[in-house]
Amino acid sequence: MNFTTRLVLLAVFACSTTAATPQSSSTYSKASFVPPAAPTITKAGWPSAANHPSRVQQQIATGYGTELFGRKKNAGGSSGAVKTAGVPPVTKNGKIQIKMLTSVPNIGQAGDIIFVSSAVFQNQLQRQKKARLISAEEVAKLEAEKQKEKAEATQKAVDTKKMMEEVMFESLGEECSTDQDICGVALSMKRKAGPEGNLFGGINPKMIMEELANTFPDGSWEGKQVKLTDMKDSDGKDVKKKDIKHTGEYTCVVKLGNDVDVTFILSVVAEE
């Protein structure tokens, strides 16, 4: 074997050895496995309800529970079962005190302050904004305002009674005697009547109250408590349904307020 042949064989052997040698392991990096986050474990060993895997998946799918889609909380934190806007509920016999905002059949009228169960408040009233919680301080304030309004109404009723009595005193005539309980006309009404004094149409309590308001505009005639409560004719007999059918003088009693009544004489005369 000559020298040239040997060189050729050495070159072939060197090439075959290089092709069979694997590349260096430093060229590649070994893949690492990242385990999933484990749910929070409670003392009992079970995943917590807030971080349970099924709940987390549902929150991710719907967007609820995440910071991006989470619903805003009210100022001062989320509200409790029976606490709204920081108002501590007033409880009594297992019920909470509320103020009705609208009238609801079988529950209460608008403005009423009542006690209802927590379930009724949350399910029927709060969701539809028909009622709200009311604190003890607010109840005390409303009660004070109510007492003030009541005192003012009573004083106005007393002033109205005094006003009518002064008119009756000014209208006293010779026909009044000292043994009469009341004397002097406070209100006069004219109506069409027949020859014997029979009225055409009559006079009912509503007409009398309207005439009082027109005759004494500064009086207290508003409110459900103001009404005609009694009426007698000149013989002392009760007028049926307080509906006047004949001319003459009638003794009437009007309730002006709590413990305030005024008794006056109504004179009904025929129009000329």
C-alpha atoms as a PDB file:
ATOM      1  CA  MET A   1       0.000   0.000   0.000  1.00  0.00           C
ATOM      2  CA  ASN A   2       1.628   3.184  -1.152  1.00  0.00           C
ATOM      3  CA  PHE A   3       1.604   6.501   0.671  1.00  0.00           C
ATOM      4  CA  THR A   4      -1.196   8.033  -1.358  1.00  0.00           C
ATOM      5  CA  THR A   5      -3.572   5.159  -0.597  1.00  0.00           C
ATOM      6  CA  ARG A   6      -2.915   5.499   3.115  1.00  0.00           C
ATOM      7  CA  LEU A   7      -3.808   9.213   3.059  1.00  0.00           C
ATOM      8  CA  VAL A   8      -7.092   8.470   1.339  1.00  0.00           C
ATOM      9  CA  LEU A   9      -8.040   5.800   3.904  1.00  0.00           C
ATOM     10  CA  LEU A  10      -7.217   8.116   6.845  1.00  0.00           C
ATOM     11  CA  ALA A  11      -9.405  10.896   5.416  1.00  0.00           C
ATOM     12  CA  VAL A  12     -12.373   8.532   4.974  1.00  0.00           C
ATOM     13  CA  PHE A  13     -12.025   7.230   8.542  1.00  0.00           C
ATOM     14  CA  ALA A  14     -11.895  10.745   9.991  1.00  0.00           C
ATOM     15  CA  CYS A  15     -15.096  11.756   8.187  1.00  0.00           C
ATOM     16  CA  SER A  16     -17.013   8.673   9.325  1.00  0.00           C
ATOM     17  CA  THR A  17     -15.973   9.235  12.964  1.00  0.00           C
ATOM     18  CA  THR A  18     -17.197  12.899  12.974  1.00  0.00           C
ATOM     19  CA  ALA A  19     -20.612  11.948  11.551  1.00  0.00           C
ATOM     20  CA  ALA A  20     -21.209   9.269  14.200  1.00  0.00           C
ATOM     21  CA  THR A  21     -20.393  11.571  17.178  1.00  0.00           C
ATOM     22  CA  PRO A  22     -23.604  13.209  18.750  1.00  0.00           C
ATOM     23  CA  GLN A  23     -23.775  16.989  19.237  1.00  0.00           C
ATOM     24  CA  SER A  24     -22.944  18.530  22.590  1.00  0.00           C
ATOM     25  CA  SER A  25     -25.741  18.418  25.239  1.00  0.00           C
ATOM     26  CA  SER A  26     -25.174  22.121  25.943  1.00  0.00           C
ATOM     27  CA  THR A  27     -26.945  23.014  22.711  1.00  0.00           C
ATOM     28  CA  TYR A  28     -30.393  22.008  24.184  1.00  0.00           C
ATOM     29  CA  SER A  29     -32.157  22.973  27.501  1.00  0.00           C
ATOM     30  CA  LYS A  30     -34.204  20.452  29.389  1.00  0.00           C
ATOM     31  CA  ALA A  31     -37.948  21.295  29.541  1.00  0.00           C
ATOM     32  CA  SER A  32     -39.279  22.115  33.063  1.00  0.00           C
ATOM     33  CA  PHE A  33     -42.795  21.227  34.373  1.00  0.00           C
ATOM     34  CA  VAL A  34     -44.763  23.982  36.157  1.00  0.00           C
ATOM     35  CA  PRO A  35     -47.367  22.435  38.475  1.00  0.00           C
ATOM     36  CA  PRO A  36     -50.836  24.178  38.715  1.00  0.00           C
ATOM     37  CA  ALA A  37     -51.620  26.342  41.744  1.00  0.00           C
ATOM     38  CA  ALA A  38     -53.105  24.292  44.533  1.00  0.00           C
ATOM     39  CA  PRO A  39     -56.424  25.434  46.071  1.00  0.00           C
ATOM     40  CA  THR A  40     -56.466  26.913  49.558  1.00  0.00           C
ATOM     41  CA  ILE A  41     -56.783  24.155  52.131  1.00  0.00           C
ATOM     42  CA  THR A  42     -58.899  24.730  55.211  1.00  0.00           C
ATOM     43  CA  LYS A  43     -58.296  23.194  58.598  1.00  0.00           C
ATOM     44  CA  ALA A  44     -60.698  20.403  57.777  1.00  0.00           C
ATOM     45  CA  GLY A  45     -58.583  19.442  54.756  1.00  0.00           C
ATOM     46  CA  TRP A  46     -61.103  20.483  52.121  1.00  0.00           C
ATOM     47  CA  PRO A  47     -60.658  23.312  49.592  1.00  0.00           C
ATOM     48  CA  SER A  48     -62.319  26.541  50.699  1.00  0.00           C
ATOM     49  CA  ALA A  49     -65.596  27.476  49.018  1.00  0.00           C
ATOM     50  CA  ALA A  50     -64.139  30.708  47.611  1.00  0.00           C
ATOM     51  CA  ASN A  51     -61.127  28.993  46.001  1.00  0.00           C
ATOM     52  CA  HIS A  52     -62.606  25.631  45.109  1.00  0.00           C
ATOM     53  CA  PRO A  53     -61.343  24.546  41.637  1.00  0.00           C
ATOM     54  CA  SER A  54     -64.837  24.323  40.183  1.00  0.00           C
ATOM     55  CA  ARG A  55     -65.716  27.786  41.501  1.00  0.00           C
ATOM     56  CA  VAL A  56     -62.476  29.266  40.170  1.00  0.00           C
ATOM     57  CA  GLN A  57     -63.158  27.828  36.726  1.00  0.00           C
ATOM     58  CA  GLN A  58     -66.680  29.243  36.781  1.00  0.00           C
ATOM     59  CA  GLN A  59     -65.408  32.689  37.817  1.00  0.00           C
ATOM     60  CA  ILE A  60     -62.853  32.651  35.018  1.00  0.00           C
ATOM     61  CA  ALA A  61     -65.513  31.660  32.487  1.00  0.00           C
ATOM     62  CA  THR A  62     -68.077  34.235  33.583  1.00  0.00           C
ATOM     63  CA  GLY A  63     -65.741  37.025  34.691  1.00  0.00           C
ATOM     64  CA  TYR A  64     -67.247  37.294  38.178  1.00  0.00           C
ATOM     65  CA  GLY A  65     -64.945  37.167  41.137  1.00  0.00           C
ATOM     66  CA  THR A  66     -61.980  38.616  39.272  1.00  0.00           C
ATOM     67  CA  GLU A  67     -60.582  42.057  39.850  1.00  0.00           C
ATOM     68  CA  LEU A  68     -61.362  43.080  36.285  1.00  0.00           C
ATOM     69  CA  PHE A  69     -65.037  42.140  36.315  1.00  0.00           C
ATOM     70  CA  GLY A  70     -65.755  42.231  40.055  1.00  0.00           C
ATOM     71  CA  ARG A  71     -68.744  44.291  41.153  1.00  0.00           C
ATOM     72  CA  LYS A  72     -68.035  47.423  43.133  1.00  0.00           C
ATOM     73  CA  LYS A  73     -68.704  47.481  46.827  1.00  0.00           C
ATOM     74  CA  ASN A  74     -70.638  50.198  48.562  1.00  0.00           C
ATOM     75  CA  ALA A  75     -68.775  52.791  50.560  1.00  0.00           C
ATOM     76  CA  GLY A  76     -67.781  51.312  53.859  1.00  0.00           C
ATOM     77  CA  GLY A  77     -67.700  47.724  52.599  1.00  0.00           C
ATOM     78  CA  SER A  78     -70.299  45.249  51.439  1.00  0.00           C
ATOM     79  CA  SER A  79     -73.676  45.363  53.092  1.00  0.00           C
ATOM     80  CA  GLY A  80     -74.850  42.602  55.403  1.00  0.00           C
ATOM     81  CA  ALA A  81     -78.097  40.708  55.337  1.00  0.00           C
ATOM     82  CA  VAL A  82     -80.027  43.418  57.124  1.00  0.00           C
ATOM     83  CA  LYS A  83     -77.740  46.445  56.953  1.00  0.00           C
ATOM     84  CA  THR A  84     -77.923  49.123  54.279  1.00  0.00           C
ATOM     85  CA  ALA A  85     -75.734  52.208  53.914  1.00  0.00           C
ATOM     86  CA  GLY A  86     -74.341  51.725  57.394  1.00  0.00           C
ATOM     87  CA  VAL A  87     -77.739  51.942  59.092  1.00  0.00           C
ATOM     88  CA  PRO A  88     -77.829  49.615  62.115  1.00  0.00           C
ATOM     89  CA  PRO A  89     -81.175  47.799  62.070  1.00  0.00           C
ATOM     90  CA  VAL A  90     -83.580  48.159  64.975  1.00  0.00           C
ATOM     91  CA  THR A  91     -84.829  44.713  65.937  1.00  0.00           C
ATOM     92  CA  LYS A  92     -87.795  43.581  68.000  1.00  0.00           C
ATOM     93  CA  ASN A  93     -88.999  40.008  68.517  1.00  0.00           C
ATOM     94  CA  GLY A  94     -86.868  38.798  65.620  1.00  0.00           C
ATOM     95  CA  LYS A  95     -88.108  41.495  63.219  1.00  0.00           C
ATOM     96  CA  ILE A  96     -86.463  44.636  61.844  1.00  0.00           C
ATOM     97  CA  GLN A  97     -87.809  48.177  61.773  1.00  0.00           C
ATOM     98  CA  ILE A  98     -88.335  49.781  58.381  1.00  0.00           C
ATOM     99  CA  LYS A  99     -89.962  52.819  56.788  1.00  0.00           C
ATOM    100  CA  MET A 100     -92.369  52.221  53.917  1.00  0.00           C
ATOM    101  CA  LEU A 101     -91.584  54.250  50.790  1.00  0.00           C
ATOM    102  CA  THR A 102     -94.669  53.129  48.876  1.00  0.00           C
ATOM    103  CA  SER A 103     -97.931  51.503  49.876  1.00  0.00           C
ATOM    104  CA  VAL A 104     -97.908  47.698  49.767  1.00  0.00           C
ATOM    105  CA  PRO A 105    -101.124  45.713  50.380  1.00  0.00           C
ATOM    106  CA  ASN A 106    -101.157  43.683  53.590  1.00  0.00           C
ATOM    107  CA  ILE A 107     -97.875  45.254  54.728  1.00  0.00           C
ATOM    108  CA  GLY A 108     -98.178  49.018  55.171  1.00  0.00           C
ATOM    109  CA  GLN A 109     -98.835  52.458  53.734  1.00  0.00           C
ATOM    110  CA  ALA A 110     -96.267  54.934  52.467  1.00  0.00           C
ATOM    111  CA  GLY A 111     -94.592  56.674  55.404  1.00  0.00           C
ATOM    112  CA  ASP A 112     -95.464  53.954  57.940  1.00  0.00           C
ATOM    113  CA  ILE A 113     -92.726  52.819  60.322  1.00  0.00           C
ATOM    114  CA  ILE A 114     -93.286  49.142  61.020  1.00  0.00           C
ATOM    115  CA  PHE A 115     -91.528  45.910  61.965  1.00  0.00           C
ATOM    116  CA  VAL A 116     -91.270  43.092  59.408  1.00  0.00           C
ATOM    117  CA  SER A 117     -89.251  39.915  59.097  1.00  0.00           C
ATOM    118  CA  SER A 118     -85.849  40.064  57.453  1.00  0.00           C
ATOM    119  CA  ALA A 119     -87.055  37.786  54.646  1.00  0.00           C
ATOM    120  CA  VAL A 120     -90.021  40.045  53.795  1.00  0.00           C
ATOM    121  CA  PHE A 121     -87.791  43.117  53.767  1.00  0.00           C
ATOM    122  CA  GLN A 122     -85.093  41.616  51.548  1.00  0.00           C
ATOM    123  CA  ASN A 123     -87.266  39.629  49.148  1.00  0.00           C
ATOM    124  CA  GLN A 124     -90.338  41.870  48.746  1.00  0.00           C
ATOM    125  CA  LEU A 125     -89.445  45.410  49.778  1.00  0.00           C
ATOM    126  CA  GLN A 126     -85.742  46.201  49.523  1.00  0.00           C
ATOM    127  CA  ARG A 127     -85.202  44.813  46.027  1.00  0.00           C
ATOM    128  CA  GLN A 128     -88.105  46.829  44.628  1.00  0.00           C
ATOM    129  CA  LYS A 129     -87.161  49.920  46.667  1.00  0.00           C
ATOM    130  CA  LYS A 130     -90.502  49.944  48.453  1.00  0.00           C
ATOM    131  CA  ALA A 131     -88.999  50.292  51.943  1.00  0.00           C
ATOM    132  CA  ARG A 132     -85.741  51.059  53.702  1.00  0.00           C
ATOM    133  CA  LEU A 133     -84.176  50.479  57.071  1.00  0.00           C
ATOM    134  CA  ILE A 134     -84.557  53.242  59.622  1.00  0.00           C
ATOM    135  CA  SER A 135     -82.341  53.858  62.630  1.00  0.00           C
ATOM    136  CA  ALA A 136     -83.484  54.517  66.176  1.00  0.00           C
ATOM    137  CA  GLU A 137     -82.105  58.073  65.951  1.00  0.00           C
ATOM    138  CA  GLU A 138     -84.161  58.783  62.836  1.00  0.00           C
ATOM    139  CA  VAL A 139     -87.300  57.379  64.458  1.00  0.00           C
ATOM    140  CA  ALA A 140     -86.765  59.661  67.468  1.00  0.00           C
ATOM    141  CA  LYS A 141     -86.292  62.657  65.168  1.00  0.00           C
ATOM    142  CA  LEU A 142     -89.451  61.884  63.198  1.00  0.00           C
ATOM    143  CA  GLU A 143     -91.408  61.429  66.430  1.00  0.00           C
ATOM    144  CA  ALA A 144     -90.220  64.822  67.689  1.00  0.00           C
ATOM    145  CA  GLU A 145     -91.270  66.455  64.409  1.00  0.00           C
ATOM    146  CA  LYS A 146     -94.629  64.712  64.606  1.00  0.00           C
ATOM    147  CA  GLN A 147     -95.243  65.983  68.126  1.00  0.00           C
ATOM    148  CA  LYS A 148     -94.309  69.506  67.032  1.00  0.00           C
ATOM    149  CA  GLU A 149     -96.735  69.389  64.093  1.00  0.00           C
ATOM    150  CA  LYS A 150     -99.437  68.026  66.387  1.00  0.00           C
ATOM    151  CA  ALA A 151     -98.942  70.881  68.855  1.00  0.00           C
ATOM    152  CA  GLU A 152     -99.100  73.431  66.038  1.00  0.00           C
ATOM    153  CA  ALA A 153    -102.291  71.871  64.648  1.00  0.00           C
ATOM    154  CA  THR A 154    -103.895  71.878  68.092  1.00  0.00           C
ATOM    155  CA  GLN A 155    -103.057  75.535  68.595  1.00  0.00           C
ATOM    156  CA  LYS A 156    -104.509  76.407  65.205  1.00  0.00           C
ATOM    157  CA  ALA A 157    -107.691  74.510  66.072  1.00  0.00           C
ATOM    158  CA  VAL A 158    -108.007  76.451  69.325  1.00  0.00           C
ATOM    159  CA  ASP A 159    -107.555  79.721  67.435  1.00  0.00           C
ATOM    160  CA  THR A 160    -110.282  78.705  64.968  1.00  0.00           C
ATOM    161  CA  LYS A 161    -112.695  77.935  67.779  1.00  0.00           C
ATOM    162  CA  LYS A 162    -111.994  81.271  69.418  1.00  0.00           C
ATOM    163  CA  MET A 163    -112.533  83.045  66.094  1.00  0.00           C
ATOM    164  CA  MET A 164    -115.977  81.476  65.645  1.00  0.00           C
ATOM    165  CA  GLU A 165    -117.013  82.139  69.244  1.00  0.00           C
ATOM    166  CA  GLU A 166    -116.165  85.818  68.835  1.00  0.00           C
ATOM    167  CA  VAL A 167    -118.434  86.012  65.770  1.00  0.00           C
ATOM    168  CA  MET A 168    -121.216  84.291  67.704  1.00  0.00           C
ATOM    169  CA  PHE A 169    -120.836  86.731  70.588  1.00  0.00           C
ATOM    170  CA  GLU A 170    -121.045  89.703  68.232  1.00  0.00           C
ATOM    171  CA  SER A 171    -124.258  88.336  66.682  1.00  0.00           C
ATOM    172  CA  LEU A 172    -126.104  87.956  70.010  1.00  0.00           C
ATOM    173  CA  GLY A 173    -129.613  89.340  69.948  1.00  0.00           C
ATOM    174  CA  GLU A 174    -132.589  89.761  72.230  1.00  0.00           C
ATOM    175  CA  GLU A 175    -133.798  86.261  71.353  1.00  0.00           C
ATOM    176  CA  CYS A 176    -130.898  84.747  73.302  1.00  0.00           C
ATOM    177  CA  SER A 177    -131.482  83.867  76.926  1.00  0.00           C
ATOM    178  CA  THR A 178    -128.978  83.171  79.675  1.00  0.00           C
ATOM    179  CA  ASP A 179    -130.158  79.563  80.148  1.00  0.00           C
ATOM    180  CA  GLN A 180    -129.124  78.565  76.631  1.00  0.00           C
ATOM    181  CA  ASP A 181    -125.895  76.583  76.234  1.00  0.00           C
ATOM    182  CA  ILE A 182    -125.056  78.324  72.989  1.00  0.00           C
ATOM    183  CA  CYS A 183    -126.391  81.446  71.369  1.00  0.00           C
ATOM    184  CA  GLY A 184    -125.454  83.622  68.448  1.00  0.00           C
ATOM    185  CA  VAL A 185    -125.196  82.710  64.782  1.00  0.00           C
ATOM    186  CA  ALA A 186    -121.725  81.872  63.489  1.00  0.00           C
ATOM    187  CA  LEU A 187    -122.670  80.887  59.955  1.00  0.00           C
ATOM    188  CA  SER A 188    -125.533  81.809  57.611  1.00  0.00           C
ATOM    189  CA  MET A 189    -126.474  80.083  54.384  1.00  0.00           C
ATOM    190  CA  LYS A 190    -129.076  81.135  51.839  1.00  0.00           C
ATOM    191  CA  ARG A 191    -130.908  78.645  49.660  1.00  0.00           C
ATOM    192  CA  LYS A 192    -133.937  78.570  47.403  1.00  0.00           C
ATOM    193  CA  ALA A 193    -136.962  77.422  49.348  1.00  0.00           C
ATOM    194  CA  GLY A 194    -140.674  76.925  48.932  1.00  0.00           C
ATOM    195  CA  PRO A 195    -143.443  78.866  50.717  1.00  0.00           C
ATOM    196  CA  GLU A 196    -143.273  76.564  53.738  1.00  0.00           C
ATOM    197  CA  GLY A 197    -139.470  76.694  53.974  1.00  0.00           C
ATOM    198  CA  ASN A 198    -138.688  73.442  52.218  1.00  0.00           C
ATOM    199  CA  LEU A 199    -135.285  73.693  50.531  1.00  0.00           C
ATOM    200  CA  PHE A 200    -134.718  72.865  46.888  1.00  0.00           C
ATOM    201  CA  GLY A 201    -131.812  70.404  47.010  1.00  0.00           C
ATOM    202  CA  GLY A 202    -130.919  70.581  50.695  1.00  0.00           C
ATOM    203  CA  ILE A 203    -127.618  71.254  52.478  1.00  0.00           C
ATOM    204  CA  ASN A 204    -125.225  68.418  53.253  1.00  0.00           C
ATOM    205  CA  PRO A 205    -122.153  68.343  55.559  1.00  0.00           C
ATOM    206  CA  LYS A 206    -119.724  68.923  52.693  1.00  0.00           C
ATOM    207  CA  MET A 207    -121.490  72.165  51.774  1.00  0.00           C
ATOM    208  CA  ILE A 208    -121.353  73.322  55.387  1.00  0.00           C
ATOM    209  CA  MET A 209    -117.613  72.668  55.655  1.00  0.00           C
ATOM    210  CA  GLU A 210    -116.963  74.517  52.403  1.00  0.00           C
ATOM    211  CA  GLU A 211    -118.999  77.491  53.650  1.00  0.00           C
ATOM    212  CA  LEU A 212    -117.047  77.524  56.917  1.00  0.00           C
ATOM    213  CA  ALA A 213    -113.768  77.617  54.993  1.00  0.00           C
ATOM    214  CA  ASN A 214    -115.030  80.527  52.880  1.00  0.00           C
ATOM    215  CA  THR A 215    -116.383  82.449  55.878  1.00  0.00           C
ATOM    216  CA  PHE A 216    -113.317  81.826  58.079  1.00  0.00           C
ATOM    217  CA  PRO A 217    -110.379  81.562  55.625  1.00  0.00           C
ATOM    218  CA  ASP A 218    -107.840  81.813  58.434  1.00  0.00           C
ATOM    219  CA  GLY A 219    -109.337  78.837  60.236  1.00  0.00           C
ATOM    220  CA  SER A 220    -108.094  75.270  60.429  1.00  0.00           C
ATOM    221  CA  TRP A 221    -110.235  73.258  58.033  1.00  0.00           C
ATOM    222  CA  GLU A 222    -107.728  70.826  56.535  1.00  0.00           C
ATOM    223  CA  GLY A 223    -107.079  67.291  57.602  1.00  0.00           C
ATOM    224  CA  LYS A 224    -109.084  64.094  57.942  1.00  0.00           C
ATOM    225  CA  GLN A 225    -109.866  64.840  61.583  1.00  0.00           C
ATOM    226  CA  VAL A 226    -111.783  68.025  60.705  1.00  0.00           C
ATOM    227  CA  LYS A 227    -115.410  67.067  60.140  1.00  0.00           C
ATOM    228  CA  LEU A 228    -119.014  67.728  61.126  1.00  0.00           C
ATOM    229  CA  THR A 229    -119.835  65.311  63.939  1.00  0.00           C
ATOM    230  CA  ASP A 230    -123.284  66.372  65.169  1.00  0.00           C
ATOM    231  CA  MET A 231    -126.309  68.405  64.100  1.00  0.00           C
ATOM    232  CA  LYS A 232    -129.636  69.149  65.829  1.00  0.00           C
ATOM    233  CA  ASP A 233    -132.607  71.243  64.792  1.00  0.00           C
ATOM    234  CA  SER A 234    -134.256  73.974  66.859  1.00  0.00           C
ATOM    235  CA  ASP A 235    -136.266  71.340  68.759  1.00  0.00           C
ATOM    236  CA  GLY A 236    -133.105  69.479  69.794  1.00  0.00           C
ATOM    237  CA  LYS A 237    -133.725  66.562  67.476  1.00  0.00           C
ATOM    238  CA  ASP A 238    -130.957  64.933  65.462  1.00  0.00           C
ATOM    239  CA  VAL A 239    -130.961  65.812  61.776  1.00  0.00           C
ATOM    240  CA  LYS A 240    -131.064  62.637  59.706  1.00  0.00           C
ATOM    241  CA  LYS A 241    -127.758  62.106  57.904  1.00  0.00           C
ATOM    242  CA  LYS A 242    -126.944  65.729  58.797  1.00  0.00           C
ATOM    243  CA  ASP A 243    -128.773  66.719  55.641  1.00  0.00           C
ATOM    244  CA  ILE A 244    -130.795  69.935  56.073  1.00  0.00           C
ATOM    245  CA  LYS A 245    -134.098  70.041  54.173  1.00  0.00           C
ATOM    246  CA  HIS A 246    -135.788  73.061  55.782  1.00  0.00           C
ATOM    247  CA  THR A 247    -134.980  76.626  56.717  1.00  0.00           C
ATOM    248  CA  GLY A 248    -134.252  77.401  60.346  1.00  0.00           C
ATOM    249  CA  GLU A 249    -131.434  77.367  62.903  1.00  0.00           C
ATOM    250  CA  TYR A 250    -129.346  74.299  63.545  1.00  0.00           C
ATOM    251  CA  THR A 251    -126.819  73.568  66.268  1.00  0.00           C
ATOM    252  CA  CYS A 252    -123.740  71.996  64.717  1.00  0.00           C
ATOM    253  CA  VAL A 253    -120.595  70.490  66.193  1.00  0.00           C
ATOM    254  CA  VAL A 254    -117.352  70.371  64.209  1.00  0.00           C
ATOM    255  CA  LYS A 255    -114.262  68.523  65.308  1.00  0.00           C
ATOM    256  CA  LEU A 256    -111.238  70.718  64.624  1.00  0.00           C
ATOM    257  CA  GLY A 257    -108.544  68.504  66.081  1.00  0.00           C
ATOM    258  CA  ASN A 258    -107.602  66.257  68.968  1.00  0.00           C
ATOM    259  CA  ASP A 259    -109.808  67.237  71.933  1.00  0.00           C
ATOM    260  CA  VAL A 260    -110.868  70.458  70.171  1.00  0.00           C
ATOM    261  CA  ASP A 261    -114.518  70.788  69.128  1.00  0.00           C
ATOM    262  CA  VAL A 262    -116.513  73.880  68.280  1.00  0.00           C
ATOM    263  CA  THR A 263    -120.302  74.160  68.685  1.00  0.00           C
ATOM    264  CA  PHE A 264    -122.015  76.860  66.668  1.00  0.00           C
ATOM    265  CA  ILE A 265    -125.380  77.850  65.252  1.00  0.00           C
ATOM    266  CA  LEU A 266    -126.031  77.591  61.519  1.00  0.00           C
ATOM    267  CA  SER A 267    -128.832  79.746  60.205  1.00  0.00           C
ATOM    268  CA  VAL A 268    -130.447  78.632  56.944  1.00  0.00           C
ATOM    269  CA  VAL A 269    -132.660  81.274  55.324  1.00  0.00           C
ATOM    270  CA  ALA A 270    -134.576  81.410  52.052  1.00  0.00           C
ATOM    271  CA  GLU A 271    -133.273  83.492  49.204  1.00  0.00           C
ATOM    272  CA  GLU A 272    -135.419  86.516  48.431  1.00  0.00           C
END
